[in-house]
Amino acid sequence: MLMAWYFAYGSNMQTATLNGRRGIATRRALAARAPGWRLVLDKPPLVAIGESYANIVPDVQAEVLGVLYEIAGDDLAHLDLTEGVLIGNYQRVEIAVSPLARSNGDSVNAFTLVSDRRDATLQPSTRYMDLLIAGAEEHGLPADYVAFLRAIPARPPSQEAEQFRALLDGFLRRPS
């Protein structure tokens, strides 16, 4: 079976989201860093629901922390489908990522998702930020990074988001 590395920095850091909501099995999960990238939370969704999502942008002065997952190639294709890569919601790119547990700087090439769609007027929801924080804590990301996530301004989920989420959850699950 062909395996690939996937670097998650948003809600997919949480195992319950990646395995449960998206139906993607993981072989390994490692806390990791991606130098040269900065986390932003201003990506608009495909459907206007008044909230934003995580994204990363190039920044030579920064690094973003997240989770490096080893997944099957067909799960990577399913991730593309559920994240809207095929319709331009994100683009899949390959970046260098280093597991936090390695002190020698070894890195692997991993796929991640980025978008050039940004809207500075949007904020993430408190529900969404709770997923990022839970994923960061679950995988042992440093306390200062968790504190950084907790300090990001967030808003209560919109009614539109709650209604759309129920519809979307049915689509994301793989057919049995």
N, C-alpha and C. Protein backbone atom coordinates (compact mmCIF):
# COMPACT_ATOMS: atom_id res chain seq x y z
N MET A 1 0.85 -1.18 0.00
CA MET A 1 0.00 0.00 0.00
C MET A 1 0.90 1.25 0.00
N LEU A 2 0.61 2.18 -0.86
CA LEU A 2 1.35 3.42 -0.96
C LEU A 2 0.98 4.34 0.20
N MET A 3 1.99 4.80 0.94
CA MET A 3 1.75 5.68 2.09
C MET A 3 2.28 7.08 1.78
N ALA A 4 1.72 8.08 2.46
CA ALA A 4 2.14 9.47 2.28
C ALA A 4 2.11 10.17 3.62
N TRP A 5 2.91 11.22 3.74
CA TRP A 5 2.87 12.08 4.93
C TRP A 5 1.93 13.24 4.65
N TYR A 6 1.11 13.54 5.64
CA TYR A 6 0.18 14.68 5.57
C TYR A 6 0.40 15.52 6.81
N PHE A 7 0.58 16.84 6.63
CA PHE A 7 0.77 17.76 7.75
C PHE A 7 -0.51 18.53 7.99
N ALA A 8 -1.10 18.34 9.19
CA ALA A 8 -2.33 19.01 9.59
C ALA A 8 -1.99 20.13 10.57
N TYR A 9 -2.58 21.30 10.36
CA TYR A 9 -2.36 22.46 11.24
C TYR A 9 -3.67 23.05 11.73
N GLY A 10 -4.78 22.57 11.20
CA GLY A 10 -6.11 23.07 11.58
C GLY A 10 -6.88 22.01 12.35
N SER A 11 -8.17 21.91 12.08
CA SER A 11 -9.01 20.98 12.84
C SER A 11 -8.61 19.52 12.63
N ASN A 12 -7.93 19.22 11.53
CA ASN A 12 -7.49 17.84 11.29
C ASN A 12 -6.38 17.40 12.24
N MET A 13 -5.84 18.33 13.04
CA MET A 13 -4.90 17.90 14.09
C MET A 13 -5.60 16.99 15.08
N GLN A 14 -6.87 17.19 15.28
CA GLN A 14 -7.63 16.39 16.23
C GLN A 14 -7.97 15.04 15.57
N THR A 15 -7.57 13.97 16.21
CA THR A 15 -7.81 12.63 15.66
C THR A 15 -9.30 12.39 15.40
N ALA A 16 -10.16 12.86 16.29
CA ALA A 16 -11.60 12.65 16.10
C ALA A 16 -12.11 13.31 14.82
N THR A 17 -11.51 14.40 14.43
CA THR A 17 -11.91 15.05 13.18
C THR A 17 -11.39 14.28 11.98
N LEU A 18 -10.09 13.97 11.98
CA LEU A 18 -9.49 13.31 10.82
C LEU A 18 -10.02 11.88 10.67
N ASN A 19 -10.02 11.11 11.75
CA ASN A 19 -10.48 9.71 11.67
C ASN A 19 -12.00 9.63 11.63
N GLY A 20 -12.66 10.39 12.50
CA GLY A 20 -14.11 10.28 12.62
C GLY A 20 -14.86 11.03 11.54
N ARG A 21 -14.72 12.34 11.52
CA ARG A 21 -15.50 13.16 10.60
C ARG A 21 -15.10 12.91 9.15
N ARG A 22 -13.80 12.80 8.89
CA ARG A 22 -13.34 12.61 7.51
C ARG A 22 -13.16 11.15 7.13
N GLY A 23 -13.12 10.25 8.12
CA GLY A 23 -13.01 8.82 7.82
C GLY A 23 -11.64 8.42 7.31
N ILE A 24 -10.59 9.08 7.77
CA ILE A 24 -9.24 8.80 7.30
C ILE A 24 -8.46 8.07 8.39
N ALA A 25 -7.94 6.90 8.05
CA ALA A 25 -7.15 6.11 8.99
C ALA A 25 -5.71 6.60 8.96
N THR A 26 -5.09 6.65 10.13
CA THR A 26 -3.70 7.08 10.21
C THR A 26 -2.84 5.93 10.70
N ARG A 27 -1.65 5.84 10.16
CA ARG A 27 -0.71 4.81 10.61
C ARG A 27 0.14 5.33 11.76
N ARG A 28 0.58 6.60 11.64
CA ARG A 28 1.37 7.25 12.68
C ARG A 28 0.95 8.71 12.77
N ALA A 29 1.17 9.29 13.94
CA ALA A 29 0.91 10.71 14.17
C ALA A 29 2.04 11.27 15.03
N LEU A 30 2.69 12.32 14.55
CA LEU A 30 3.82 12.92 15.24
C LEU A 30 3.63 14.43 15.35
N ALA A 31 3.89 14.98 16.51
CA ALA A 31 3.92 16.45 16.64
C ALA A 31 5.05 16.95 15.75
N ALA A 32 4.80 18.05 15.02
CA ALA A 32 5.78 18.48 14.02
C ALA A 32 5.75 19.99 13.83
N ARG A 33 6.80 20.48 13.13
CA ARG A 33 6.89 21.90 12.77
C ARG A 33 7.19 22.03 11.29
N ALA A 34 6.64 23.10 10.71
CA ALA A 34 6.90 23.43 9.31
C ALA A 34 7.53 24.82 9.28
N PRO A 35 8.87 24.89 9.17
CA PRO A 35 9.52 26.21 9.11
C PRO A 35 9.20 26.91 7.79
N GLY A 36 9.16 28.24 7.87
CA GLY A 36 8.90 29.02 6.67
C GLY A 36 7.43 29.23 6.36
N TRP A 37 6.58 28.87 7.31
CA TRP A 37 5.12 29.03 7.15
C TRP A 37 4.56 29.65 8.41
N ARG A 38 3.47 30.39 8.26
CA ARG A 38 2.79 31.05 9.39
C ARG A 38 1.32 30.68 9.35
N LEU A 39 0.76 30.37 10.52
CA LEU A 39 -0.66 30.06 10.64
C LEU A 39 -1.47 31.35 10.58
N VAL A 40 -2.52 31.34 9.77
CA VAL A 40 -3.49 32.43 9.73
C VAL A 40 -4.88 31.81 9.84
N LEU A 41 -5.81 32.55 10.36
CA LEU A 41 -7.18 32.04 10.52
C LEU A 41 -8.16 33.01 9.84
N ASP A 42 -7.92 33.24 8.57
CA ASP A 42 -8.75 34.18 7.81
C ASP A 42 -9.23 33.59 6.48
N LYS A 43 -9.20 32.26 6.36
CA LYS A 43 -9.65 31.64 5.12
C LYS A 43 -11.17 31.51 5.12
N PRO A 44 -11.82 32.13 4.14
CA PRO A 44 -13.29 32.00 4.08
C PRO A 44 -13.70 30.60 3.62
N PRO A 45 -14.84 30.14 4.07
CA PRO A 45 -15.35 28.85 3.60
C PRO A 45 -15.93 28.99 2.20
N LEU A 46 -16.22 27.86 1.57
CA LEU A 46 -16.84 27.90 0.24
C LEU A 46 -18.24 28.50 0.30
N VAL A 47 -18.96 28.21 1.39
CA VAL A 47 -20.31 28.74 1.58
C VAL A 47 -20.23 29.81 2.66
N ALA A 48 -20.75 30.99 2.37
CA ALA A 48 -20.67 32.11 3.32
C ALA A 48 -21.46 31.79 4.59
N ILE A 49 -20.72 31.55 5.70
CA ILE A 49 -21.35 31.25 6.98
C ILE A 49 -20.85 32.19 8.07
N GLY A 50 -20.07 33.20 7.67
CA GLY A 50 -19.64 34.21 8.63
C GLY A 50 -18.47 33.83 9.51
N GLU A 51 -17.76 32.76 9.16
CA GLU A 51 -16.63 32.29 9.96
C GLU A 51 -15.43 32.04 9.06
N SER A 52 -14.26 31.92 9.66
CA SER A 52 -13.05 31.61 8.89
C SER A 52 -12.42 30.31 9.39
N TYR A 53 -11.46 29.84 8.60
CA TYR A 53 -10.77 28.60 8.90
C TYR A 53 -9.27 28.80 8.81
N ALA A 54 -8.54 27.77 9.23
CA ALA A 54 -7.08 27.82 9.24
C ALA A 54 -6.50 27.72 7.84
N ASN A 55 -5.35 28.34 7.71
CA ASN A 55 -4.59 28.35 6.47
C ASN A 55 -3.15 28.63 6.87
N ILE A 56 -2.21 28.33 6.00
CA ILE A 56 -0.84 28.73 6.25
C ILE A 56 -0.35 29.52 5.05
N VAL A 57 0.51 30.49 5.33
CA VAL A 57 1.08 31.34 4.29
C VAL A 57 2.60 31.34 4.44
N PRO A 58 3.32 31.49 3.32
CA PRO A 58 4.77 31.52 3.41
C PRO A 58 5.26 32.71 4.26
N ASP A 59 6.24 32.43 5.13
CA ASP A 59 6.84 33.47 5.97
C ASP A 59 8.17 32.91 6.47
N VAL A 60 9.28 33.41 5.90
CA VAL A 60 10.60 32.87 6.24
C VAL A 60 10.95 33.08 7.70
N GLN A 61 10.30 34.00 8.38
CA GLN A 61 10.58 34.29 9.79
C GLN A 61 9.78 33.43 10.76
N ALA A 62 8.89 32.59 10.25
CA ALA A 62 7.93 31.89 11.12
C ALA A 62 8.05 30.38 10.98
N GLU A 63 7.27 29.71 11.81
CA GLU A 63 7.06 28.28 11.68
C GLU A 63 5.67 27.99 12.22
N VAL A 64 5.05 26.98 11.66
CA VAL A 64 3.73 26.57 12.15
C VAL A 64 3.89 25.17 12.73
N LEU A 65 3.20 24.93 13.84
CA LEU A 65 3.22 23.61 14.46
C LEU A 65 1.94 22.88 14.09
N GLY A 66 2.03 21.56 14.10
CA GLY A 66 0.88 20.75 13.76
C GLY A 66 1.18 19.29 13.96
N VAL A 67 0.46 18.45 13.23
CA VAL A 67 0.59 17.01 13.36
C VAL A 67 0.94 16.42 12.00
N LEU A 68 1.97 15.60 12.00
CA LEU A 68 2.42 14.89 10.81
C LEU A 68 1.83 13.49 10.86
N TYR A 69 0.94 13.20 9.91
CA TYR A 69 0.26 11.91 9.87
C TYR A 69 0.80 11.08 8.70
N GLU A 70 0.96 9.80 8.94
CA GLU A 70 1.24 8.89 7.84
C GLU A 70 -0.09 8.25 7.46
N ILE A 71 -0.49 8.45 6.20
CA ILE A 71 -1.79 7.96 5.73
C ILE A 71 -1.61 7.26 4.38
N ALA A 72 -2.59 6.47 4.01
CA ALA A 72 -2.58 5.78 2.73
C ALA A 72 -2.85 6.77 1.60
N GLY A 73 -2.31 6.45 0.43
CA GLY A 73 -2.50 7.31 -0.74
C GLY A 73 -3.96 7.55 -1.08
N ASP A 74 -4.81 6.51 -0.94
CA ASP A 74 -6.23 6.71 -1.24
C ASP A 74 -6.89 7.59 -0.18
N ASP A 75 -6.37 7.59 1.05
CA ASP A 75 -6.88 8.51 2.07
C ASP A 75 -6.48 9.95 1.75
N LEU A 76 -5.30 10.14 1.15
CA LEU A 76 -4.90 11.47 0.72
C LEU A 76 -5.86 12.00 -0.35
N ALA A 77 -6.25 11.13 -1.27
CA ALA A 77 -7.24 11.52 -2.29
C ALA A 77 -8.58 11.85 -1.65
N HIS A 78 -8.98 11.08 -0.62
CA HIS A 78 -10.24 11.36 0.07
C HIS A 78 -10.15 12.68 0.83
N LEU A 79 -8.99 12.97 1.40
CA LEU A 79 -8.78 14.26 2.07
C LEU A 79 -8.97 15.40 1.07
N ASP A 80 -8.38 15.26 -0.12
CA ASP A 80 -8.56 16.28 -1.16
C ASP A 80 -10.04 16.50 -1.46
N LEU A 81 -10.78 15.42 -1.54
CA LEU A 81 -12.21 15.51 -1.82
C LEU A 81 -12.95 16.24 -0.71
N THR A 82 -12.70 15.85 0.54
CA THR A 82 -13.46 16.42 1.66
C THR A 82 -13.03 17.84 2.01
N GLU A 83 -11.82 18.24 1.61
CA GLU A 83 -11.36 19.61 1.86
C GLU A 83 -11.61 20.54 0.67
N GLY A 84 -12.19 20.02 -0.40
CA GLY A 84 -12.53 20.85 -1.55
C GLY A 84 -11.36 21.21 -2.44
N VAL A 85 -10.32 20.38 -2.46
CA VAL A 85 -9.18 20.65 -3.34
C VAL A 85 -9.62 20.63 -4.80
N LEU A 86 -10.50 19.72 -5.14
CA LEU A 86 -10.93 19.56 -6.53
C LEU A 86 -11.73 20.75 -7.05
N ILE A 87 -12.24 21.57 -6.14
CA ILE A 87 -13.02 22.74 -6.56
C ILE A 87 -12.37 24.06 -6.13
N GLY A 88 -11.09 24.00 -5.76
CA GLY A 88 -10.33 25.21 -5.48
C GLY A 88 -10.43 25.78 -4.08
N ASN A 89 -11.00 25.03 -3.14
CA ASN A 89 -11.08 25.52 -1.77
C ASN A 89 -9.69 25.58 -1.14
N TYR A 90 -8.88 24.58 -1.37
CA TYR A 90 -7.47 24.53 -0.98
C TYR A 90 -6.68 23.97 -2.16
N GLN A 91 -5.36 24.11 -2.10
CA GLN A 91 -4.47 23.43 -3.03
C GLN A 91 -3.56 22.53 -2.19
N ARG A 92 -3.28 21.36 -2.73
CA ARG A 92 -2.34 20.46 -2.05
C ARG A 92 -0.93 20.85 -2.48
N VAL A 93 -0.04 21.06 -1.49
CA VAL A 93 1.36 21.38 -1.77
C VAL A 93 2.24 20.47 -0.93
N GLU A 94 3.48 20.33 -1.35
CA GLU A 94 4.45 19.53 -0.61
C GLU A 94 5.42 20.48 0.09
N ILE A 95 5.61 20.27 1.40
CA ILE A 95 6.49 21.12 2.19
C ILE A 95 7.40 20.26 3.06
N ALA A 96 8.48 20.87 3.54
CA ALA A 96 9.38 20.18 4.48
C ALA A 96 8.83 20.34 5.89
N VAL A 97 8.76 19.23 6.61
CA VAL A 97 8.22 19.20 7.97
C VAL A 97 9.17 18.37 8.85
N SER A 98 9.40 18.84 10.07
CA SER A 98 10.28 18.14 11.00
C SER A 98 9.50 17.71 12.24
N PRO A 99 9.57 16.43 12.60
CA PRO A 99 8.95 16.00 13.87
C PRO A 99 9.61 16.73 15.04
N LEU A 100 8.82 17.15 16.02
CA LEU A 100 9.35 17.88 17.18
C LEU A 100 10.29 17.02 18.00
N ALA A 101 10.09 15.70 18.01
CA ALA A 101 10.90 14.81 18.84
C ALA A 101 12.31 14.64 18.31
N ARG A 102 12.57 15.04 17.08
CA ARG A 102 13.90 14.89 16.51
C ARG A 102 14.69 16.16 16.71
N SER A 103 15.82 16.04 17.35
CA SER A 103 16.64 17.22 17.62
C SER A 103 17.67 17.46 16.53
N ASN A 104 17.85 16.51 15.63
CA ASN A 104 18.88 16.67 14.61
C ASN A 104 18.42 17.40 13.36
N GLY A 105 17.17 17.85 13.34
CA GLY A 105 16.67 18.63 12.22
C GLY A 105 16.24 17.83 11.02
N ASP A 106 16.19 16.49 11.14
CA ASP A 106 15.72 15.68 10.02
C ASP A 106 14.31 16.13 9.64
N SER A 107 14.09 16.25 8.34
CA SER A 107 12.76 16.62 7.89
C SER A 107 12.29 15.62 6.85
N VAL A 108 10.99 15.60 6.66
CA VAL A 108 10.37 14.78 5.62
C VAL A 108 9.55 15.70 4.74
N ASN A 109 9.32 15.27 3.52
CA ASN A 109 8.41 16.00 2.65
C ASN A 109 7.00 15.50 2.96
N ALA A 110 6.11 16.44 3.19
CA ALA A 110 4.73 16.09 3.52
C ALA A 110 3.79 16.94 2.69
N PHE A 111 2.62 16.40 2.43
CA PHE A 111 1.58 17.17 1.76
C PHE A 111 0.80 17.95 2.81
N THR A 112 0.40 19.14 2.45
CA THR A 112 -0.48 19.93 3.28
C THR A 112 -1.39 20.72 2.35
N LEU A 113 -2.32 21.45 2.93
CA LEU A 113 -3.29 22.20 2.14
C LEU A 113 -3.13 23.68 2.43
N VAL A 114 -3.12 24.49 1.35
CA VAL A 114 -3.01 25.94 1.47
C VAL A 114 -4.05 26.57 0.56
N SER A 115 -4.34 27.84 0.83
CA SER A 115 -5.30 28.58 0.00
C SER A 115 -4.83 30.02 -0.16
N ASP A 116 -5.10 30.59 -1.33
CA ASP A 116 -4.82 32.02 -1.51
C ASP A 116 -6.07 32.85 -1.22
N ARG A 117 -7.15 32.21 -0.83
CA ARG A 117 -8.39 32.90 -0.47
C ARG A 117 -8.27 33.36 0.98
N ARG A 118 -8.37 34.68 1.19
CA ARG A 118 -8.25 35.23 2.55
C ARG A 118 -9.26 36.36 2.72
N ASP A 119 -9.75 36.53 3.94
CA ASP A 119 -10.69 37.62 4.26
C ASP A 119 -10.43 38.05 5.70
N ALA A 120 -9.74 39.18 5.85
CA ALA A 120 -9.34 39.67 7.18
C ALA A 120 -10.53 40.10 8.03
N THR A 121 -11.72 40.21 7.46
CA THR A 121 -12.89 40.61 8.24
C THR A 121 -13.52 39.44 8.99
N LEU A 122 -13.10 38.21 8.66
CA LEU A 122 -13.68 37.02 9.28
C LEU A 122 -12.85 36.57 10.48
N GLN A 123 -13.51 35.88 11.41
CA GLN A 123 -12.86 35.25 12.55
C GLN A 123 -13.29 33.79 12.62
N PRO A 124 -12.46 32.95 13.20
CA PRO A 124 -12.89 31.56 13.41
C PRO A 124 -13.93 31.51 14.52
N SER A 125 -14.69 30.42 14.54
CA SER A 125 -15.65 30.25 15.62
C SER A 125 -14.96 29.65 16.84
N THR A 126 -15.58 29.82 17.98
CA THR A 126 -15.06 29.22 19.20
C THR A 126 -15.08 27.69 19.07
N ARG A 127 -16.08 27.14 18.40
CA ARG A 127 -16.15 25.69 18.17
C ARG A 127 -14.94 25.23 17.37
N TYR A 128 -14.60 25.95 16.32
CA TYR A 128 -13.47 25.59 15.47
C TYR A 128 -12.15 25.70 16.25
N MET A 129 -11.98 26.77 16.99
CA MET A 129 -10.75 26.94 17.77
C MET A 129 -10.62 25.85 18.83
N ASP A 130 -11.74 25.41 19.40
CA ASP A 130 -11.70 24.31 20.36
C ASP A 130 -11.14 23.03 19.73
N LEU A 131 -11.45 22.82 18.43
CA LEU A 131 -10.93 21.65 17.73
C LEU A 131 -9.41 21.75 17.56
N LEU A 132 -8.92 22.94 17.19
CA LEU A 132 -7.48 23.14 17.03
C LEU A 132 -6.75 22.94 18.36
N ILE A 133 -7.30 23.52 19.40
CA ILE A 133 -6.68 23.41 20.73
C ILE A 133 -6.68 21.96 21.21
N ALA A 134 -7.79 21.26 21.02
CA ALA A 134 -7.87 19.85 21.42
C ALA A 134 -6.85 19.01 20.65
N GLY A 135 -6.70 19.26 19.36
CA GLY A 135 -5.73 18.53 18.56
C GLY A 135 -4.30 18.82 18.99
N ALA A 136 -4.01 20.08 19.28
CA ALA A 136 -2.67 20.46 19.73
C ALA A 136 -2.34 19.79 21.06
N GLU A 137 -3.29 19.80 21.98
CA GLU A 137 -3.07 19.17 23.29
C GLU A 137 -2.96 17.65 23.15
N GLU A 138 -3.82 17.06 22.34
CA GLU A 138 -3.81 15.61 22.14
C GLU A 138 -2.45 15.11 21.67
N HIS A 139 -1.79 15.88 20.82
CA HIS A 139 -0.52 15.44 20.24
C HIS A 139 0.70 16.06 20.91
N GLY A 140 0.49 16.71 22.05
CA GLY A 140 1.61 17.20 22.84
C GLY A 140 2.36 18.37 22.25
N LEU A 141 1.67 19.23 21.50
CA LEU A 141 2.34 20.43 21.03
C LEU A 141 2.71 21.29 22.24
N PRO A 142 3.78 22.08 22.14
CA PRO A 142 4.24 22.86 23.29
C PRO A 142 3.17 23.76 23.89
N ALA A 143 3.24 23.95 25.20
CA ALA A 143 2.26 24.76 25.93
C ALA A 143 2.18 26.18 25.40
N ASP A 144 3.31 26.75 24.95
CA ASP A 144 3.26 28.12 24.43
C ASP A 144 2.49 28.19 23.11
N TYR A 145 2.52 27.11 22.32
CA TYR A 145 1.74 27.10 21.08
C TYR A 145 0.25 26.96 21.38
N VAL A 146 -0.08 26.12 22.36
CA VAL A 146 -1.48 25.98 22.78
C VAL A 146 -1.98 27.33 23.31
N ALA A 147 -1.15 28.02 24.08
CA ALA A 147 -1.53 29.35 24.59
C ALA A 147 -1.74 30.33 23.44
N PHE A 148 -0.89 30.25 22.41
CA PHE A 148 -1.05 31.08 21.21
C PHE A 148 -2.41 30.82 20.56
N LEU A 149 -2.78 29.53 20.42
CA LEU A 149 -4.09 29.19 19.83
C LEU A 149 -5.24 29.71 20.69
N ARG A 150 -5.10 29.59 22.01
CA ARG A 150 -6.15 30.06 22.92
C ARG A 150 -6.34 31.58 22.84
N ALA A 151 -5.29 32.30 22.47
CA ALA A 151 -5.35 33.77 22.43
C ALA A 151 -5.92 34.32 21.12
N ILE A 152 -6.17 33.47 20.14
CA ILE A 152 -6.70 33.93 18.86
C ILE A 152 -8.16 34.34 19.05
N PRO A 153 -8.50 35.57 18.65
CA PRO A 153 -9.90 36.01 18.80
C PRO A 153 -10.85 35.10 18.00
N ALA A 154 -11.94 34.72 18.63
CA ALA A 154 -12.93 33.85 18.00
C ALA A 154 -14.32 34.34 18.37
N ARG A 155 -15.29 33.91 17.59
CA ARG A 155 -16.68 34.32 17.79
C ARG A 155 -17.57 33.09 17.98
N PRO A 156 -18.72 33.26 18.59
CA PRO A 156 -19.64 32.12 18.70
C PRO A 156 -20.01 31.62 17.30
N PRO A 157 -20.28 30.33 17.16
CA PRO A 157 -20.68 29.80 15.84
C PRO A 157 -21.95 30.48 15.35
N SER A 158 -21.99 30.77 14.06
CA SER A 158 -23.18 31.38 13.47
C SER A 158 -24.27 30.32 13.27
N GLN A 159 -25.50 30.77 13.20
CA GLN A 159 -26.61 29.84 12.94
C GLN A 159 -26.43 29.19 11.57
N GLU A 160 -25.95 29.96 10.59
CA GLU A 160 -25.70 29.43 9.25
C GLU A 160 -24.67 28.30 9.30
N ALA A 161 -23.63 28.49 10.12
CA ALA A 161 -22.59 27.48 10.24
C ALA A 161 -23.14 26.20 10.86
N GLU A 162 -23.95 26.32 11.89
CA GLU A 162 -24.52 25.14 12.55
C GLU A 162 -25.40 24.35 11.58
N GLN A 163 -26.20 25.04 10.79
CA GLN A 163 -27.09 24.37 9.84
C GLN A 163 -26.28 23.72 8.72
N PHE A 164 -25.27 24.43 8.22
CA PHE A 164 -24.46 23.90 7.13
C PHE A 164 -23.62 22.71 7.59
N ARG A 165 -23.10 22.74 8.83
CA ARG A 165 -22.26 21.67 9.36
C ARG A 165 -23.01 20.35 9.34
N ALA A 166 -24.27 20.35 9.73
CA ALA A 166 -25.06 19.11 9.75
C ALA A 166 -25.17 18.53 8.34
N LEU A 167 -25.36 19.37 7.36
CA LEU A 167 -25.44 18.94 5.97
C LEU A 167 -24.10 18.41 5.49
N LEU A 168 -23.03 19.12 5.82
CA LEU A 168 -21.70 18.75 5.38
C LEU A 168 -21.22 17.45 6.01
N ASP A 169 -21.54 17.22 7.27
CA ASP A 169 -21.10 16.00 7.94
C ASP A 169 -21.56 14.74 7.20
N GLY A 170 -22.76 14.78 6.67
CA GLY A 170 -23.27 13.65 5.90
C GLY A 170 -22.46 13.42 4.63
N PHE A 171 -22.00 14.48 4.00
CA PHE A 171 -21.21 14.37 2.78
C PHE A 171 -19.81 13.84 3.07
N LEU A 172 -19.20 14.25 4.16
CA LEU A 172 -17.81 13.91 4.43
C LEU A 172 -17.57 12.43 4.70
N ARG A 173 -18.56 11.76 5.24
CA ARG A 173 -18.38 10.36 5.57
C ARG A 173 -18.26 9.53 4.31
N ARG A 174 -17.37 8.56 4.35
CA ARG A 174 -17.21 7.65 3.21
C ARG A 174 -18.39 6.70 3.16
N PRO A 175 -18.83 6.36 1.95
CA PRO A 175 -19.91 5.37 1.85
C PRO A 175 -19.46 4.02 2.40
N SER A 176 -20.38 3.31 3.03
CA SER A 176 -20.04 2.00 3.64
C SER A 176 -19.99 0.92 2.60
